[in-house]
């Protein structure tokens, strides 16, 4: 066995380790990293949606209490009418700006 064969045999484990590292890095870049990014987006989206729901509920309660105590002098029904009317008008405004979905083509 010559010096070149001994050197090639000594280099074989390093080359095998480099090949394994290349495969692991490729799998990480192509599959694992996009999955991690997608799962982070889902989690942060759910947290943001939950926070938005809490803020809307707390804001509605605060506005109702503000109207009831400071504006209408403990006439809670009037606060409900004003807040309900404002939300109804907002809903109607959004409803009028909707777009119609295209109807599916019907076979003849």
N, C-alpha and C. Protein backbone atom coordinates (compact mmCIF):
# COMPACT_ATOMS: atom_id res chain seq x y z
N UNK A 1 0.85 -1.16 0.00
CA UNK A 1 0.00 0.00 0.00
C UNK A 1 0.90 1.23 0.00
N UNK A 2 0.61 2.13 -0.94
CA UNK A 2 1.48 3.28 -1.10
C UNK A 2 1.05 4.44 -0.23
N UNK A 3 1.86 5.49 -0.32
CA UNK A 3 1.58 6.70 0.48
C UNK A 3 0.31 7.38 0.00
N UNK A 4 0.05 7.33 -1.31
CA UNK A 4 -1.16 7.96 -1.85
C UNK A 4 -2.41 7.24 -1.37
N UNK A 5 -2.34 5.90 -1.32
CA UNK A 5 -3.50 5.13 -0.86
C UNK A 5 -3.75 5.36 0.63
N UNK A 6 -2.70 5.47 1.41
CA UNK A 6 -2.85 5.73 2.84
C UNK A 6 -3.43 7.12 3.08
N UNK A 7 -2.98 8.09 2.27
CA UNK A 7 -3.51 9.46 2.40
C UNK A 7 -4.98 9.51 1.99
N UNK A 8 -5.36 8.79 0.94
CA UNK A 8 -6.76 8.74 0.50
C UNK A 8 -7.63 8.06 1.54
N UNK A 9 -7.10 7.01 2.16
CA UNK A 9 -7.86 6.31 3.21
C UNK A 9 -8.02 7.19 4.44
N UNK A 10 -7.03 8.02 4.75
CA UNK A 10 -7.12 8.92 5.90
C UNK A 10 -8.08 10.06 5.62
N UNK A 11 -8.24 10.44 4.35
CA UNK A 11 -9.11 11.56 3.98
C UNK A 11 -10.57 11.12 3.83
N UNK A 12 -10.82 9.83 3.69
CA UNK A 12 -12.17 9.32 3.47
C UNK A 12 -13.16 9.68 4.58
N UNK A 13 -12.83 9.57 5.85
CA UNK A 13 -13.80 9.97 6.89
C UNK A 13 -14.17 11.46 6.84
N UNK A 14 -13.19 12.30 6.53
CA UNK A 14 -13.48 13.74 6.43
C UNK A 14 -14.41 14.03 5.27
N UNK A 15 -14.18 13.37 4.15
CA UNK A 15 -15.05 13.57 2.98
C UNK A 15 -16.45 13.03 3.25
N UNK A 16 -16.56 11.92 3.96
CA UNK A 16 -17.87 11.37 4.30
C UNK A 16 -18.60 12.31 5.25
N UNK A 17 -17.88 12.87 6.22
CA UNK A 17 -18.50 13.81 7.15
C UNK A 17 -18.96 15.07 6.43
N UNK A 18 -18.16 15.55 5.46
CA UNK A 18 -18.56 16.72 4.67
C UNK A 18 -19.80 16.43 3.84
N UNK A 19 -19.88 15.22 3.26
CA UNK A 19 -21.05 14.85 2.46
C UNK A 19 -22.31 14.78 3.33
N UNK A 20 -22.17 14.20 4.51
CA UNK A 20 -23.32 14.13 5.43
C UNK A 20 -23.74 15.53 5.85
N UNK A 21 -22.77 16.38 6.15
CA UNK A 21 -23.08 17.76 6.53
C UNK A 21 -23.78 18.50 5.40
N UNK A 22 -23.37 18.28 4.17
CA UNK A 22 -24.01 18.91 3.01
C UNK A 22 -25.46 18.45 2.87
N UNK A 23 -25.71 17.16 3.05
CA UNK A 23 -27.08 16.64 2.96
C UNK A 23 -27.95 17.22 4.07
N UNK A 24 -27.42 17.27 5.29
CA UNK A 24 -28.19 17.82 6.42
C UNK A 24 -28.49 19.30 6.20
N UNK A 25 -27.50 20.06 5.73
CA UNK A 25 -27.72 21.48 5.46
C UNK A 25 -28.75 21.69 4.36
N UNK A 26 -28.70 20.88 3.32
CA UNK A 26 -29.66 20.99 2.23
C UNK A 26 -31.07 20.69 2.70
N UNK A 27 -31.22 19.63 3.48
CA UNK A 27 -32.56 19.30 4.01
C UNK A 27 -33.05 20.41 4.92
N UNK A 28 -32.19 20.96 5.74
CA UNK A 28 -32.58 22.04 6.63
C UNK A 28 -33.04 23.25 5.83
N UNK A 29 -32.28 23.63 4.79
CA UNK A 29 -32.62 24.80 4.00
C UNK A 29 -33.89 24.61 3.18
N UNK A 30 -34.13 23.40 2.69
CA UNK A 30 -35.27 23.16 1.79
C UNK A 30 -36.55 22.77 2.52
N UNK A 31 -36.47 22.12 3.67
CA UNK A 31 -37.68 21.61 4.31
C UNK A 31 -37.90 22.18 5.71
N UNK A 32 -36.90 22.15 6.54
CA UNK A 32 -37.09 22.50 7.94
C UNK A 32 -37.28 24.00 8.11
N UNK A 33 -36.45 24.80 7.46
CA UNK A 33 -36.54 26.26 7.62
C UNK A 33 -37.89 26.80 7.16
N UNK A 34 -38.42 26.42 5.97
CA UNK A 34 -39.75 26.91 5.60
C UNK A 34 -40.84 26.45 6.57
N UNK A 35 -40.72 25.25 7.10
CA UNK A 35 -41.72 24.77 8.07
C UNK A 35 -41.66 25.60 9.35
N UNK A 36 -40.47 25.94 9.80
CA UNK A 36 -40.33 26.77 10.99
C UNK A 36 -40.91 28.15 10.75
N UNK A 37 -40.62 28.74 9.59
CA UNK A 37 -41.16 30.06 9.28
C UNK A 37 -42.68 30.04 9.19
N UNK A 38 -43.24 29.00 8.58
CA UNK A 38 -44.69 28.91 8.48
C UNK A 38 -45.33 28.73 9.85
N UNK A 39 -44.75 27.91 10.69
CA UNK A 39 -45.32 27.71 12.02
C UNK A 39 -45.22 28.98 12.86
N UNK A 40 -44.14 29.72 12.72
CA UNK A 40 -44.03 31.00 13.43
C UNK A 40 -45.10 31.97 12.95
N UNK A 41 -45.34 32.01 11.64
CA UNK A 41 -46.37 32.91 11.11
C UNK A 41 -47.74 32.54 11.65
N UNK A 42 -48.04 31.25 11.72
CA UNK A 42 -49.34 30.81 12.24
C UNK A 42 -49.47 31.19 13.72
N UNK A 43 -48.44 30.95 14.50
CA UNK A 43 -48.50 31.25 15.94
C UNK A 43 -48.63 32.75 16.17
N UNK A 44 -47.82 33.55 15.49
CA UNK A 44 -47.91 35.00 15.68
C UNK A 44 -49.24 35.53 15.17
N UNK A 45 -49.78 34.95 14.11
CA UNK A 45 -51.09 35.36 13.62
C UNK A 45 -52.19 35.06 14.62
N UNK A 46 -52.13 33.88 15.25
CA UNK A 46 -53.13 33.54 16.26
C UNK A 46 -53.02 34.44 17.48
N UNK A 47 -51.81 34.76 17.89
CA UNK A 47 -51.63 35.66 19.03
C UNK A 47 -52.16 37.05 18.70
N UNK A 48 -51.88 37.53 17.49
CA UNK A 48 -52.37 38.84 17.09
C UNK A 48 -53.89 38.86 17.00
N UNK A 49 -54.49 37.79 16.49
CA UNK A 49 -55.95 37.72 16.40
C UNK A 49 -56.59 37.69 17.78
N UNK A 50 -56.01 36.92 18.71
CA UNK A 50 -56.55 36.87 20.07
C UNK A 50 -56.42 38.24 20.74
N UNK A 51 -55.30 38.90 20.54
CA UNK A 51 -55.11 40.23 21.11
C UNK A 51 -56.10 41.22 20.53
N UNK A 52 -56.36 41.13 19.23
CA UNK A 52 -57.33 42.02 18.60
C UNK A 52 -58.73 41.81 19.15
N UNK A 53 -59.11 40.56 19.37
CA UNK A 53 -60.44 40.27 19.93
C UNK A 53 -60.55 40.86 21.33
N UNK A 54 -59.52 40.68 22.15
CA UNK A 54 -59.54 41.23 23.51
C UNK A 54 -59.63 42.74 23.48
N UNK A 55 -58.85 43.38 22.60
CA UNK A 55 -58.89 44.84 22.52
C UNK A 55 -60.24 45.35 22.05
N UNK A 56 -60.88 44.67 21.11
CA UNK A 56 -62.20 45.09 20.64
C UNK A 56 -63.23 44.97 21.77
N UNK A 57 -63.19 43.87 22.50
CA UNK A 57 -64.16 43.69 23.60
C UNK A 57 -63.93 44.73 24.70
N UNK A 58 -62.69 44.92 25.11
CA UNK A 58 -62.40 45.89 26.16
C UNK A 58 -62.73 47.31 25.70
N UNK A 59 -62.42 47.61 24.45
CA UNK A 59 -62.75 48.94 23.91
C UNK A 59 -64.25 49.18 23.85
N UNK A 60 -65.02 48.16 23.47
CA UNK A 60 -66.47 48.30 23.43
C UNK A 60 -67.05 48.51 24.82
N UNK A 61 -66.58 47.76 25.79
CA UNK A 61 -67.05 47.92 27.17
C UNK A 61 -66.68 49.30 27.70
N UNK A 62 -65.46 49.74 27.43
CA UNK A 62 -65.03 51.06 27.89
C UNK A 62 -65.86 52.17 27.25
N UNK A 63 -66.13 52.05 25.96
CA UNK A 63 -66.94 53.07 25.28
C UNK A 63 -68.36 53.08 25.82
N UNK A 64 -68.92 51.90 26.07
CA UNK A 64 -70.26 51.82 26.61
C UNK A 64 -70.32 52.44 28.01
N UNK A 65 -69.34 52.16 28.83
CA UNK A 65 -69.31 52.75 30.18
C UNK A 65 -69.12 54.27 30.12
N UNK A 66 -68.27 54.73 29.21
CA UNK A 66 -68.04 56.16 29.04
C UNK A 66 -69.33 56.86 28.64
N UNK A 67 -70.03 56.29 27.67
CA UNK A 67 -71.30 56.88 27.24
C UNK A 67 -72.32 56.84 28.36
N UNK A 68 -72.40 55.74 29.07
CA UNK A 68 -73.40 55.57 30.12
C UNK A 68 -73.17 56.53 31.28
N UNK A 69 -71.96 56.62 31.76
CA UNK A 69 -71.70 57.39 32.98
C UNK A 69 -71.54 58.87 32.70
N UNK A 70 -70.75 59.22 31.67
CA UNK A 70 -70.38 60.62 31.49
C UNK A 70 -71.22 61.37 30.46
N UNK A 71 -71.79 60.69 29.50
CA UNK A 71 -72.51 61.40 28.44
C UNK A 71 -74.02 61.40 28.69
N UNK A 72 -74.60 60.24 29.00
CA UNK A 72 -76.06 60.14 29.08
C UNK A 72 -76.58 60.01 30.51
N UNK A 73 -75.77 60.20 31.51
CA UNK A 73 -76.23 60.22 32.89
C UNK A 73 -76.92 58.94 33.35
N UNK A 74 -76.27 57.81 33.21
CA UNK A 74 -76.76 56.50 33.67
C UNK A 74 -78.03 56.04 32.96
N UNK A 75 -78.23 56.49 31.74
CA UNK A 75 -79.31 55.93 30.91
C UNK A 75 -78.65 54.95 29.93
N UNK A 76 -78.50 53.72 30.41
CA UNK A 76 -77.74 52.73 29.66
C UNK A 76 -78.43 52.39 28.35
N UNK A 77 -79.73 52.46 28.27
CA UNK A 77 -80.44 52.14 27.03
C UNK A 77 -80.04 53.11 25.93
N UNK A 78 -79.82 54.37 26.29
CA UNK A 78 -79.42 55.36 25.30
C UNK A 78 -78.00 55.08 24.80
N UNK A 79 -77.15 54.61 25.70
CA UNK A 79 -75.79 54.22 25.30
C UNK A 79 -75.84 53.05 24.32
N UNK A 80 -76.71 52.08 24.62
CA UNK A 80 -76.87 50.94 23.71
C UNK A 80 -77.38 51.40 22.34
N UNK A 81 -78.30 52.33 22.31
CA UNK A 81 -78.85 52.82 21.04
C UNK A 81 -77.76 53.51 20.23
N UNK A 82 -76.99 54.36 20.88
CA UNK A 82 -75.95 55.10 20.16
C UNK A 82 -74.87 54.15 19.65
N UNK A 83 -74.38 53.27 20.51
CA UNK A 83 -73.33 52.34 20.10
C UNK A 83 -73.84 51.36 19.05
N UNK A 84 -75.05 50.84 19.25
CA UNK A 84 -75.63 49.93 18.26
C UNK A 84 -75.88 50.61 16.93
N UNK A 85 -76.33 51.85 16.97
CA UNK A 85 -76.55 52.59 15.72
C UNK A 85 -75.24 52.85 14.98
N UNK A 86 -74.19 53.21 15.72
CA UNK A 86 -72.89 53.45 15.09
C UNK A 86 -72.35 52.17 14.46
N UNK A 87 -72.47 51.06 15.17
CA UNK A 87 -71.99 49.79 14.62
C UNK A 87 -72.84 49.35 13.43
N UNK A 88 -74.14 49.60 13.49
CA UNK A 88 -75.01 49.26 12.36
C UNK A 88 -74.67 50.09 11.13
N UNK A 89 -74.46 51.38 11.32
CA UNK A 89 -74.08 52.23 10.18
C UNK A 89 -72.73 51.81 9.60
N UNK A 90 -71.80 51.44 10.47
CA UNK A 90 -70.50 50.94 9.99
C UNK A 90 -70.66 49.65 9.20
N UNK A 91 -71.51 48.75 9.69
CA UNK A 91 -71.77 47.51 8.96
C UNK A 91 -72.43 47.74 7.63
N UNK A 92 -73.37 48.68 7.60
CA UNK A 92 -74.02 49.00 6.32
C UNK A 92 -73.04 49.61 5.33
N UNK A 93 -72.13 50.45 5.82
CA UNK A 93 -71.12 51.04 4.93
C UNK A 93 -70.21 49.96 4.34
N UNK A 94 -69.81 49.01 5.16
CA UNK A 94 -68.97 47.92 4.66
C UNK A 94 -69.78 47.04 3.70
N UNK A 95 -71.03 46.80 3.99
CA UNK A 95 -71.89 45.96 3.17
C UNK A 95 -72.06 46.55 1.76
N UNK A 96 -72.20 47.87 1.66
CA UNK A 96 -72.39 48.48 0.35
C UNK A 96 -71.12 48.46 -0.49
N UNK A 97 -69.96 48.30 0.13
CA UNK A 97 -68.70 48.29 -0.62
C UNK A 97 -68.24 46.89 -1.00
N UNK A 98 -69.05 45.89 -0.72
CA UNK A 98 -68.66 44.52 -1.06
C UNK A 98 -68.69 44.34 -2.57
N UNK A 99 -67.98 43.33 -3.04
CA UNK A 99 -67.98 43.01 -4.46
C UNK A 99 -68.64 41.65 -4.66
N UNK A 100 -69.33 41.52 -5.76
CA UNK A 100 -70.02 40.26 -6.05
C UNK A 100 -69.03 39.24 -6.56
N UNK A 101 -69.21 38.01 -6.16
CA UNK A 101 -68.37 36.93 -6.66
C UNK A 101 -68.83 36.56 -8.06
N UNK A 102 -67.88 36.24 -8.93
CA UNK A 102 -68.31 35.80 -10.27
C UNK A 102 -69.01 34.44 -10.17
N UNK A 103 -70.10 34.32 -10.90
CA UNK A 103 -70.84 33.06 -10.86
C UNK A 103 -70.10 32.02 -11.69
N UNK A 104 -70.14 30.77 -11.25
CA UNK A 104 -69.46 29.73 -12.02
C UNK A 104 -70.16 29.53 -13.37
N UNK A 105 -69.37 29.19 -14.38
CA UNK A 105 -69.92 28.99 -15.72
C UNK A 105 -70.81 27.76 -15.70
N UNK A 106 -72.00 27.92 -16.25
CA UNK A 106 -72.94 26.80 -16.26
C UNK A 106 -72.83 26.06 -17.59
N UNK A 107 -72.77 24.72 -17.53
CA UNK A 107 -72.67 23.96 -18.77
C UNK A 107 -73.97 24.03 -19.57
N UNK A 108 -73.84 23.99 -20.87
CA UNK A 108 -75.03 24.05 -21.73
C UNK A 108 -75.45 22.71 -22.21
